[in-house]
């Protein structure tokens, strides 16, 4: 099986790369802007015709698309998150129509929902802000294409390698910074009262592997989450526990506008269980422990006289 992976250098993509390379008989090719990739590709500027020819030459059995932008100007977000998947679908239809496309979507596509509600894949999409709107546009392009395609709509991923641009990654880095000064300091954060559905990045990677190898067409959209909403504050307290930080978090700092607008999100994950036999298996405590250990600075090698 030939698998073409886009966006494999990112947080989720790196975890998925390990899973995909472990699949029996799998050959994993990569695409991206750097010369080291098998296919030089920038979906923000690619044209469907030439890309279709390149895909035809590579002849992938499956294309997995992690490429996306979480920040930047409205133009950048639209180019990468909305235009990119649309161009990829058109190029695949021209050059590799028998390939399966596994596209990574986002819970940001759902936007506002009622407290206590579990979001199924057919829930109304009411994204807040440009990011969610552009991700939704890209997912609609995939779901509406004639390809054998599935959108894996990932809720709030956490785990080793979480970027500092995410709350868990930023908190871990901040704890690592303050601990040498003592374990009873103060870390300033924004409001942590919103509820989110957290899922381990390694569980997401497992779901990607199952979607790649599924021997039948899949539903157009599948939620990937734990199925349980937890207060964002639990991330801070959980990391503090594994770091043995006895200080406090001051929530008077600048917070996320999206958290203020979307106070609750919880996924219905029953469709992914039916279609893939998948459920999130990693508890949040284990996830936060591994995230914390992953941020440890390497021990210097001993000096040999």
Foldseek 3Di string as FASTA:
>chain_A
DEEEEEPLVDDLNVLLVVVQVPDPPYDYFYEDCDPVGPHHDDLLDDALPVLLQVCLVSQGQEYEYPWADDDDDLSRRLSTQASSLLSVLSSCVRRPQNHEYEYEAEPLQQAADDPPDADEPPHDGDHDDSNNVSNNNSLCSQLPGPGLYAYEHEWAEFAAPPDCVDPLNVLLVVCVVCPVVPQADEAEAADQFAKTFYAYSNLVSVLVSLVNPQPDRARRYAYATQQDIDGSVCSNVLLSVLSVRNYYYHNPDDYDPSCVRHRYYGHDHVRSCVGRVGHGDDDPNVRSNRRNVSPDDDDDDDDDD
